[in-house]
Amino acid sequence: MLRIDCPFCGLRDETEFVYGGDASRKRPDLQETSQDVWNDHVFLRDNPKGPHLEYWFHQHGCRSWLKVQRDVATHEITDVRFADKEKGQG
């Protein structure tokens, strides 16, 4: 089981969280109308080995979105921060 160190709540079991997907992907511009661009964004994914940036939602805690740096091969978590801090919010 993963143990995620929430910046607000402290160390918690992964059962309190919901995986939110790849946090390193950039969404295409909303004005983009090409089906190929949106198809690639939705369906084509890398399968990385090693450190990976992910979104996790603390559903049974502070209800915050977090960005978690996790090694997908070893499951070692090296960084956890609020997801909205990079946008200058919160």
PDB file of N, CA and C in Angstrom:
ATOM      1  N   MET A   1       0.840  -1.173   0.000  1.00  0.00           N
ATOM      2  CA  MET A   1       0.000   0.000   0.000  1.00  0.00           C
ATOM      3  C   MET A   1       0.889   1.242   0.000  1.00  0.00           C
ATOM      4  N   LEU A   2       0.468   2.228  -0.780  1.00  0.00           N
ATOM      5  CA  LEU A   2       1.177   3.509  -0.783  1.00  0.00           C
ATOM      6  C   LEU A   2       0.807   4.301   0.459  1.00  0.00           C
ATOM      7  N   ARG A   3       1.754   5.090   0.938  1.00  0.00           N
ATOM      8  CA  ARG A   3       1.509   6.043   2.021  1.00  0.00           C
ATOM      9  C   ARG A   3       1.854   7.410   1.448  1.00  0.00           C
ATOM     10  N   ILE A   4       0.867   8.291   1.381  1.00  0.00           N
ATOM     11  CA  ILE A   4       1.041   9.613   0.788  1.00  0.00           C
ATOM     12  C   ILE A   4       1.049  10.644   1.908  1.00  0.00           C
ATOM     13  N   ASP A   5       2.080  11.475   1.920  1.00  0.00           N
ATOM     14  CA  ASP A   5       2.243  12.495   2.961  1.00  0.00           C
ATOM     15  C   ASP A   5       1.559  13.783   2.508  1.00  0.00           C
ATOM     16  N   CYS A   6       0.273  13.898   2.818  1.00  0.00           N
ATOM     17  CA  CYS A   6      -0.510  15.077   2.438  1.00  0.00           C
ATOM     18  C   CYS A   6       0.069  16.308   3.142  1.00  0.00           C
ATOM     19  N   PRO A   7       0.299  17.410   2.425  1.00  0.00           N
ATOM     20  CA  PRO A   7       0.852  18.610   3.046  1.00  0.00           C
ATOM     21  C   PRO A   7      -0.047  19.182   4.148  1.00  0.00           C
ATOM     22  N   PHE A   8      -1.328  18.865   4.115  1.00  0.00           N
ATOM     23  CA  PHE A   8      -2.249  19.393   5.114  1.00  0.00           C
ATOM     24  C   PHE A   8      -2.542  18.385   6.222  1.00  0.00           C
ATOM     25  N   CYS A   9      -2.793  17.123   5.850  1.00  0.00           N
ATOM     26  CA  CYS A   9      -3.255  16.104   6.800  1.00  0.00           C
ATOM     27  C   CYS A   9      -2.147  15.210   7.356  1.00  0.00           C
ATOM     28  N   GLY A  10      -0.989  15.183   6.712  1.00  0.00           N
ATOM     29  CA  GLY A  10       0.084  14.295   7.134  1.00  0.00           C
ATOM     30  C   GLY A  10       0.046  12.963   6.392  1.00  0.00           C
ATOM     31  N   LEU A  11       0.787  11.997   6.901  1.00  0.00           N
ATOM     32  CA  LEU A  11       0.944  10.695   6.249  1.00  0.00           C
ATOM     33  C   LEU A  11      -0.357   9.890   6.324  1.00  0.00           C
ATOM     34  N   ARG A  12      -0.849   9.470   5.148  1.00  0.00           N
ATOM     35  CA  ARG A  12      -2.115   8.739   5.070  1.00  0.00           C
ATOM     36  C   ARG A  12      -2.003   7.573   4.088  1.00  0.00           C
ATOM     37  N   ASP A  13      -2.875   6.555   4.280  1.00  0.00           N
ATOM     38  CA  ASP A  13      -2.934   5.411   3.362  1.00  0.00           C
ATOM     39  C   ASP A  13      -3.527   5.840   2.032  1.00  0.00           C
ATOM     40  N   GLU A  14      -3.127   5.161   0.981  1.00  0.00           N
ATOM     41  CA  GLU A  14      -3.631   5.484  -0.355  1.00  0.00           C
ATOM     42  C   GLU A  14      -5.135   5.278  -0.480  1.00  0.00           C
ATOM     43  N   THR A  15      -5.737   4.507   0.418  1.00  0.00           N
ATOM     44  CA  THR A  15      -7.184   4.278   0.356  1.00  0.00           C
ATOM     45  C   THR A  15      -7.983   5.559   0.599  1.00  0.00           C
ATOM     46  N   GLU A  16      -7.354   6.591   1.157  1.00  0.00           N
ATOM     47  CA  GLU A  16      -8.020   7.882   1.355  1.00  0.00           C
ATOM     48  C   GLU A  16      -8.006   8.728   0.085  1.00  0.00           C
ATOM     49  N   PHE A  17      -7.249   8.308  -0.912  1.00  0.00           N
ATOM     50  CA  PHE A  17      -7.021   9.105  -2.113  1.00  0.00           C
ATOM     51  C   PHE A  17      -7.640   8.453  -3.343  1.00  0.00           C
ATOM     52  N   VAL A  18      -7.867   9.261  -4.361  1.00  0.00           N
ATOM     53  CA  VAL A  18      -8.321   8.780  -5.666  1.00  0.00           C
ATOM     54  C   VAL A  18      -7.296   9.240  -6.693  1.00  0.00           C
ATOM     55  N   TYR A  19      -6.813   8.303  -7.501  1.00  0.00           N
ATOM     56  CA  TYR A  19      -5.847   8.624  -8.546  1.00  0.00           C
ATOM     57  C   TYR A  19      -6.508   9.505  -9.595  1.00  0.00           C
ATOM     58  N   GLY A  20      -5.824  10.588  -9.992  1.00  0.00           N
ATOM     59  CA  GLY A  20      -6.400  11.536 -10.936  1.00  0.00           C
ATOM     60  C   GLY A  20      -5.727  11.591 -12.286  1.00  0.00           C
ATOM     61  N   GLY A  21      -4.705  10.767 -12.499  1.00  0.00           N
ATOM     62  CA  GLY A  21      -4.078  10.729 -13.807  1.00  0.00           C
ATOM     63  C   GLY A  21      -2.712  11.382 -13.866  1.00  0.00           C
ATOM     64  N   ASP A  22      -2.203  11.435 -15.059  1.00  0.00           N
ATOM     65  CA  ASP A  22      -0.874  11.950 -15.372  1.00  0.00           C
ATOM     66  C   ASP A  22      -0.849  13.472 -15.225  1.00  0.00           C
ATOM     67  N   ALA A  23      -0.006  13.980 -14.345  1.00  0.00           N
ATOM     68  CA  ALA A  23       0.066  15.431 -14.116  1.00  0.00           C
ATOM     69  C   ALA A  23       1.080  16.111 -15.020  1.00  0.00           C
ATOM     70  N   SER A  24       1.780  15.346 -15.833  1.00  0.00           N
ATOM     71  CA  SER A  24       2.779  15.951 -16.714  1.00  0.00           C
ATOM     72  C   SER A  24       2.207  16.275 -18.090  1.00  0.00           C
ATOM     73  N   ARG A  25       1.016  15.778 -18.387  1.00  0.00           N
ATOM     74  CA  ARG A  25       0.394  16.021 -19.694  1.00  0.00           C
ATOM     75  C   ARG A  25      -0.200  17.419 -19.745  1.00  0.00           C
ATOM     76  N   LYS A  26      -0.078  18.046 -20.877  1.00  0.00           N
ATOM     77  CA  LYS A  26      -0.658  19.369 -21.103  1.00  0.00           C
ATOM     78  C   LYS A  26      -1.867  19.229 -22.020  1.00  0.00           C
ATOM     79  N   ARG A  27      -2.979  19.781 -21.596  1.00  0.00           N
ATOM     80  CA  ARG A  27      -4.212  19.739 -22.388  1.00  0.00           C
ATOM     81  C   ARG A  27      -4.074  20.650 -23.596  1.00  0.00           C
ATOM     82  N   PRO A  28      -4.576  20.215 -24.747  1.00  0.00           N
ATOM     83  CA  PRO A  28      -4.560  21.104 -25.915  1.00  0.00           C
ATOM     84  C   PRO A  28      -5.389  22.355 -25.647  1.00  0.00           C
ATOM     85  N   ASP A  29      -5.102  23.403 -26.373  1.00  0.00           N
ATOM     86  CA  ASP A  29      -5.867  24.634 -26.263  1.00  0.00           C
ATOM     87  C   ASP A  29      -7.347  24.336 -26.520  1.00  0.00           C
ATOM     88  N   LEU A  30      -8.227  24.934 -25.750  1.00  0.00           N
ATOM     89  CA  LEU A  30      -9.655  24.658 -25.895  1.00  0.00           C
ATOM     90  C   LEU A  30     -10.218  25.120 -27.232  1.00  0.00           C
ATOM     91  N   GLN A  31      -9.500  25.983 -27.919  1.00  0.00           N
ATOM     92  CA  GLN A  31      -9.932  26.425 -29.244  1.00  0.00           C
ATOM     93  C   GLN A  31      -9.554  25.416 -30.334  1.00  0.00           C
ATOM     94  N   GLU A  32      -8.754  24.416 -29.970  1.00  0.00           N
ATOM     95  CA  GLU A  32      -8.324  23.388 -30.929  1.00  0.00           C
ATOM     96  C   GLU A  32      -9.524  22.554 -31.362  1.00  0.00           C
ATOM     97  N   THR A  33      -9.715  22.432 -32.667  1.00  0.00           N
ATOM     98  CA  THR A  33     -10.863  21.686 -33.183  1.00  0.00           C
ATOM     99  C   THR A  33     -10.474  20.393 -33.902  1.00  0.00           C
ATOM    100  N   SER A  34      -9.196  20.120 -34.007  1.00  0.00           N
ATOM    101  CA  SER A  34      -8.744  18.925 -34.710  1.00  0.00           C
ATOM    102  C   SER A  34      -9.068  17.659 -33.899  1.00  0.00           C
ATOM    103  N   GLN A  35      -9.796  16.754 -34.505  1.00  0.00           N
ATOM    104  CA  GLN A  35     -10.107  15.489 -33.836  1.00  0.00           C
ATOM    105  C   GLN A  35      -8.839  14.678 -33.559  1.00  0.00           C
ATOM    106  N   ASP A  36      -7.866  14.765 -34.453  1.00  0.00           N
ATOM    107  CA  ASP A  36      -6.620  14.030 -34.253  1.00  0.00           C
ATOM    108  C   ASP A  36      -5.882  14.508 -33.007  1.00  0.00           C
ATOM    109  N   VAL A  37      -5.842  15.806 -32.800  1.00  0.00           N
ATOM    110  CA  VAL A  37      -5.165  16.365 -31.619  1.00  0.00           C
ATOM    111  C   VAL A  37      -5.848  15.891 -30.343  1.00  0.00           C
ATOM    112  N   TRP A  38      -7.173  15.989 -30.300  1.00  0.00           N
ATOM    113  CA  TRP A  38      -7.897  15.567 -29.092  1.00  0.00           C
ATOM    114  C   TRP A  38      -7.870  14.049 -28.919  1.00  0.00           C
ATOM    115  N   ASN A  39      -7.933  13.301 -29.997  1.00  0.00           N
ATOM    116  CA  ASN A  39      -7.830  11.848 -29.910  1.00  0.00           C
ATOM    117  C   ASN A  39      -6.482  11.446 -29.312  1.00  0.00           C
ATOM    118  N   ASP A  40      -5.413  12.057 -29.795  1.00  0.00           N
ATOM    119  CA  ASP A  40      -4.084  11.758 -29.261  1.00  0.00           C
ATOM    120  C   ASP A  40      -3.995  12.104 -27.779  1.00  0.00           C
ATOM    121  N   HIS A  41      -4.558  13.244 -27.402  1.00  0.00           N
ATOM    122  CA  HIS A  41      -4.496  13.663 -25.998  1.00  0.00           C
ATOM    123  C   HIS A  41      -5.243  12.689 -25.082  1.00  0.00           C
ATOM    124  N   VAL A  42      -6.405  12.238 -25.515  1.00  0.00           N
ATOM    125  CA  VAL A  42      -7.234  11.380 -24.673  1.00  0.00           C
ATOM    126  C   VAL A  42      -6.746   9.934 -24.656  1.00  0.00           C
ATOM    127  N   PHE A  43      -6.318   9.415 -25.812  1.00  0.00           N
ATOM    128  CA  PHE A  43      -6.075   7.977 -25.907  1.00  0.00           C
ATOM    129  C   PHE A  43      -4.613   7.549 -25.986  1.00  0.00           C
ATOM    130  N   LEU A  44      -3.712   8.401 -26.429  1.00  0.00           N
ATOM    131  CA  LEU A  44      -2.312   7.995 -26.551  1.00  0.00           C
ATOM    132  C   LEU A  44      -1.552   8.389 -25.290  1.00  0.00           C
ATOM    133  N   ARG A  45      -1.053   7.395 -24.585  1.00  0.00           N
ATOM    134  CA  ARG A  45      -0.354   7.627 -23.319  1.00  0.00           C
ATOM    135  C   ARG A  45       1.018   6.979 -23.343  1.00  0.00           C
ATOM    136  N   ASP A  46       1.960   7.642 -22.680  1.00  0.00           N
ATOM    137  CA  ASP A  46       3.259   7.020 -22.462  1.00  0.00           C
ATOM    138  C   ASP A  46       3.122   6.018 -21.332  1.00  0.00           C
ATOM    139  N   ASN A  47       4.013   5.062 -21.276  1.00  0.00           N
ATOM    140  CA  ASN A  47       4.059   4.098 -20.189  1.00  0.00           C
ATOM    141  C   ASN A  47       5.440   4.203 -19.549  1.00  0.00           C
ATOM    142  N   PRO A  48       5.631   5.237 -18.716  1.00  0.00           N
ATOM    143  CA  PRO A  48       6.974   5.503 -18.197  1.00  0.00           C
ATOM    144  C   PRO A  48       7.414   4.482 -17.153  1.00  0.00           C
ATOM    145  N   LYS A  49       8.712   4.350 -17.047  1.00  0.00           N
ATOM    146  CA  LYS A  49       9.300   3.566 -15.966  1.00  0.00           C
ATOM    147  C   LYS A  49      10.218   4.529 -15.231  1.00  0.00           C
ATOM    148  N   GLY A  50      10.043   4.644 -13.939  1.00  0.00           N
ATOM    149  CA  GLY A  50      10.825   5.584 -13.153  1.00  0.00           C
ATOM    150  C   GLY A  50       9.944   6.692 -12.610  1.00  0.00           C
ATOM    151  N   PRO A  51      10.540   7.832 -12.261  1.00  0.00           N
ATOM    152  CA  PRO A  51       9.771   8.933 -11.661  1.00  0.00           C
ATOM    153  C   PRO A  51       8.689   9.459 -12.597  1.00  0.00           C
ATOM    154  N   HIS A  52       7.530   9.721 -12.016  1.00  0.00           N
ATOM    155  CA  HIS A  52       6.379  10.160 -12.794  1.00  0.00           C
ATOM    156  C   HIS A  52       5.535  11.100 -11.939  1.00  0.00           C
ATOM    157  N   LEU A  53       5.027  12.166 -12.533  1.00  0.00           N
ATOM    158  CA  LEU A  53       4.202  13.141 -11.833  1.00  0.00           C
ATOM    159  C   LEU A  53       2.729  12.785 -12.014  1.00  0.00           C
ATOM    160  N   GLU A  54       2.006  12.656 -10.892  1.00  0.00           N
ATOM    161  CA  GLU A  54       0.615  12.208 -10.932  1.00  0.00           C
ATOM    162  C   GLU A  54      -0.274  13.131 -10.103  1.00  0.00           C
ATOM    163  N   TYR A  55      -1.559  13.202 -10.482  1.00  0.00           N
ATOM    164  CA  TYR A  55      -2.564  13.877  -9.662  1.00  0.00           C
ATOM    165  C   TYR A  55      -3.210  12.858  -8.738  1.00  0.00           C
ATOM    166  N   TRP A  56      -3.415  13.246  -7.484  1.00  0.00           N
ATOM    167  CA  TRP A  56      -4.159  12.446  -6.522  1.00  0.00           C
ATOM    168  C   TRP A  56      -5.110  13.374  -5.780  1.00  0.00           C
ATOM    169  N   PHE A  57      -6.345  12.926  -5.558  1.00  0.00           N
ATOM    170  CA  PHE A  57      -7.355  13.704  -4.838  1.00  0.00           C
ATOM    171  C   PHE A  57      -7.538  13.101  -3.450  1.00  0.00           C
ATOM    172  N   HIS A  58      -7.391  13.917  -2.407  1.00  0.00           N
ATOM    173  CA  HIS A  58      -7.537  13.427  -1.034  1.00  0.00           C
ATOM    174  C   HIS A  58      -9.021  13.423  -0.652  1.00  0.00           C
ATOM    175  N   GLN A  59      -9.711  12.415  -1.146  1.00  0.00           N
ATOM    176  CA  GLN A  59     -11.163  12.318  -1.029  1.00  0.00           C
ATOM    177  C   GLN A  59     -11.628  12.184   0.418  1.00  0.00           C
ATOM    178  N   HIS A  60     -10.939  11.382   1.213  1.00  0.00           N
ATOM    179  CA  HIS A  60     -11.367  11.131   2.593  1.00  0.00           C
ATOM    180  C   HIS A  60     -10.509  11.910   3.582  1.00  0.00           C
ATOM    181  N   GLY A  61     -10.074  13.070   3.185  1.00  0.00           N
ATOM    182  CA  GLY A  61      -9.267  13.931   4.042  1.00  0.00           C
ATOM    183  C   GLY A  61      -9.623  15.379   3.781  1.00  0.00           C
ATOM    184  N   CYS A  62      -8.641  16.165   3.393  1.00  0.00           N
ATOM    185  CA  CYS A  62      -8.824  17.608   3.193  1.00  0.00           C
ATOM    186  C   CYS A  62      -9.480  17.960   1.867  1.00  0.00           C
ATOM    187  N   ARG A  63      -9.719  16.960   1.012  1.00  0.00           N
ATOM    188  CA  ARG A  63     -10.376  17.135  -0.289  1.00  0.00           C
ATOM    189  C   ARG A  63      -9.588  18.060  -1.210  1.00  0.00           C
ATOM    190  N   SER A  64      -8.278  17.986  -1.128  1.00  0.00           N
ATOM    191  CA  SER A  64      -7.394  18.779  -1.982  1.00  0.00           C
ATOM    192  C   SER A  64      -6.833  17.916  -3.096  1.00  0.00           C
ATOM    193  N   TRP A  65      -6.566  18.558  -4.247  1.00  0.00           N
ATOM    194  CA  TRP A  65      -5.839  17.906  -5.327  1.00  0.00           C
ATOM    195  C   TRP A  65      -4.357  18.059  -5.055  1.00  0.00           C
ATOM    196  N   LEU A  66      -3.620  16.972  -5.195  1.00  0.00           N
ATOM    197  CA  LEU A  66      -2.181  16.962  -4.958  1.00  0.00           C
ATOM    198  C   LEU A  66      -1.446  16.529  -6.211  1.00  0.00           C
ATOM    199  N   LYS A  67      -0.210  17.007  -6.355  1.00  0.00           N
ATOM    200  CA  LYS A  67       0.710  16.485  -7.361  1.00  0.00           C
ATOM    201  C   LYS A  67       1.728  15.646  -6.616  1.00  0.00           C
ATOM    202  N   VAL A  68       1.830  14.392  -7.011  1.00  0.00           N
ATOM    203  CA  VAL A  68       2.702  13.428  -6.341  1.00  0.00           C
ATOM    204  C   VAL A  68       3.755  12.952  -7.330  1.00  0.00           C
ATOM    205  N   GLN A  69       5.022  13.063  -6.945  1.00  0.00           N
ATOM    206  CA  GLN A  69       6.132  12.515  -7.742  1.00  0.00           C
ATOM    207  C   GLN A  69       6.374  11.110  -7.228  1.00  0.00           C
ATOM    208  N   ARG A  70       6.062  10.097  -8.066  1.00  0.00           N
ATOM    209  CA  ARG A  70       6.170   8.702  -7.654  1.00  0.00           C
ATOM    210  C   ARG A  70       6.947   7.914  -8.689  1.00  0.00           C
ATOM    211  N   ASP A  71       7.838   7.067  -8.215  1.00  0.00           N
ATOM    212  CA  ASP A  71       8.549   6.156  -9.106  1.00  0.00           C
ATOM    213  C   ASP A  71       7.620   4.980  -9.377  1.00  0.00           C
ATOM    214  N   VAL A  72       7.189   4.824 -10.627  1.00  0.00           N
ATOM    215  CA  VAL A  72       6.201   3.789 -10.941  1.00  0.00           C
ATOM    216  C   VAL A  72       6.785   2.377 -10.910  1.00  0.00           C
ATOM    217  N   ALA A  73       8.093   2.254 -10.860  1.00  0.00           N
ATOM    218  CA  ALA A  73       8.715   0.929 -10.762  1.00  0.00           C
ATOM    219  C   ALA A  73       8.841   0.482  -9.305  1.00  0.00           C
ATOM    220  N   THR A  74       9.179   1.422  -8.407  1.00  0.00           N
ATOM    221  CA  THR A  74       9.396   1.079  -7.001  1.00  0.00           C
ATOM    222  C   THR A  74       8.290   1.586  -6.084  1.00  0.00           C
ATOM    223  N   HIS A  75       7.444   2.477  -6.565  1.00  0.00           N
ATOM    224  CA  HIS A  75       6.363   3.135  -5.812  1.00  0.00           C
ATOM    225  C   HIS A  75       6.895   4.099  -4.747  1.00  0.00           C
ATOM    226  N   GLU A  76       8.170   4.443  -4.801  1.00  0.00           N
ATOM    227  CA  GLU A  76       8.723   5.421  -3.866  1.00  0.00           C
ATOM    228  C   GLU A  76       8.191   6.810  -4.207  1.00  0.00           C
ATOM    229  N   ILE A  77       7.664   7.490  -3.206  1.00  0.00           N
ATOM    230  CA  ILE A  77       7.148   8.839  -3.373  1.00  0.00           C
ATOM    231  C   ILE A  77       8.206   9.812  -2.888  1.00  0.00           C
ATOM    232  N   THR A  78       8.614  10.729  -3.778  1.00  0.00           N
ATOM    233  CA  THR A  78       9.686  11.660  -3.441  1.00  0.00           C
ATOM    234  C   THR A  78       9.223  13.097  -3.243  1.00  0.00           C
ATOM    235  N   ASP A  79       7.992  13.431  -3.683  1.00  0.00           N
ATOM    236  CA  ASP A  79       7.511  14.795  -3.511  1.00  0.00           C
ATOM    237  C   ASP A  79       5.984  14.806  -3.554  1.00  0.00           C
ATOM    238  N   VAL A  80       5.393  15.597  -2.654  1.00  0.00           N
ATOM    239  CA  VAL A  80       3.943  15.796  -2.637  1.00  0.00           C
ATOM    240  C   VAL A  80       3.694  17.273  -2.394  1.00  0.00           C
ATOM    241  N   ARG A  81       2.853  17.878  -3.239  1.00  0.00           N
ATOM    242  CA  ARG A  81       2.507  19.296  -3.067  1.00  0.00           C
ATOM    243  C   ARG A  81       1.081  19.519  -3.538  1.00  0.00           C
ATOM    244  N   PHE A  82       0.496  20.637  -3.088  1.00  0.00           N
ATOM    245  CA  PHE A  82      -0.836  20.994  -3.560  1.00  0.00           C
ATOM    246  C   PHE A  82      -0.756  21.276  -5.053  1.00  0.00           C
ATOM    247  N   ALA A  83      -1.706  20.772  -5.819  1.00  0.00           N
ATOM    248  CA  ALA A  83      -1.681  20.923  -7.276  1.00  0.00           C
ATOM    249  C   ALA A  83      -1.875  22.370  -7.705  1.00  0.00           C
ATOM    250  N   ASP A  84      -2.628  23.148  -6.974  1.00  0.00           N
ATOM    251  CA  ASP A  84      -2.925  24.512  -7.396  1.00  0.00           C
ATOM    252  C   ASP A  84      -1.826  25.507  -7.053  1.00  0.00           C
ATOM    253  N   LYS A  85      -0.801  25.124  -6.331  1.00  0.00           N
ATOM    254  CA  LYS A  85       0.289  26.043  -5.970  1.00  0.00           C
ATOM    255  C   LYS A  85       1.047  26.529  -7.193  1.00  0.00           C
ATOM    256  N   GLU A  86       1.172  25.681  -8.207  1.00  0.00           N
ATOM    257  CA  GLU A  86       1.916  26.072  -9.408  1.00  0.00           C
ATOM    258  C   GLU A  86       1.155  27.098 -10.241  1.00  0.00           C
ATOM    259  N   LYS A  87      -0.157  27.182 -10.045  1.00  0.00           N
ATOM    260  CA  LYS A  87      -0.965  28.138 -10.786  1.00  0.00           C
ATOM    261  C   LYS A  87      -1.068  29.463 -10.044  1.00  0.00           C
ATOM    262  N   GLY A  88      -0.465  29.547  -8.848  1.00  0.00           N
ATOM    263  CA  GLY A  88      -0.540  30.768  -8.065  1.00  0.00           C
ATOM    264  C   GLY A  88      -1.825  30.894  -7.284  1.00  0.00           C
ATOM    265  N   GLN A  89      -2.547  29.782  -7.114  1.00  0.00           N
ATOM    266  CA  GLN A  89      -3.788  29.796  -6.351  1.00  0.00           C
ATOM    267  C   GLN A  89      -3.556  29.134  -5.010  1.00  0.00           C
ATOM    268  N   GLY A  90      -4.471  29.326  -4.089  1.00  0.00           N
ATOM    269  CA  GLY A  90      -4.490  28.607  -2.827  1.00  0.00           C
ATOM    270  C   GLY A  90      -3.476  28.977  -1.843  1.00  0.00           C
TER     271      GLY A  90
END
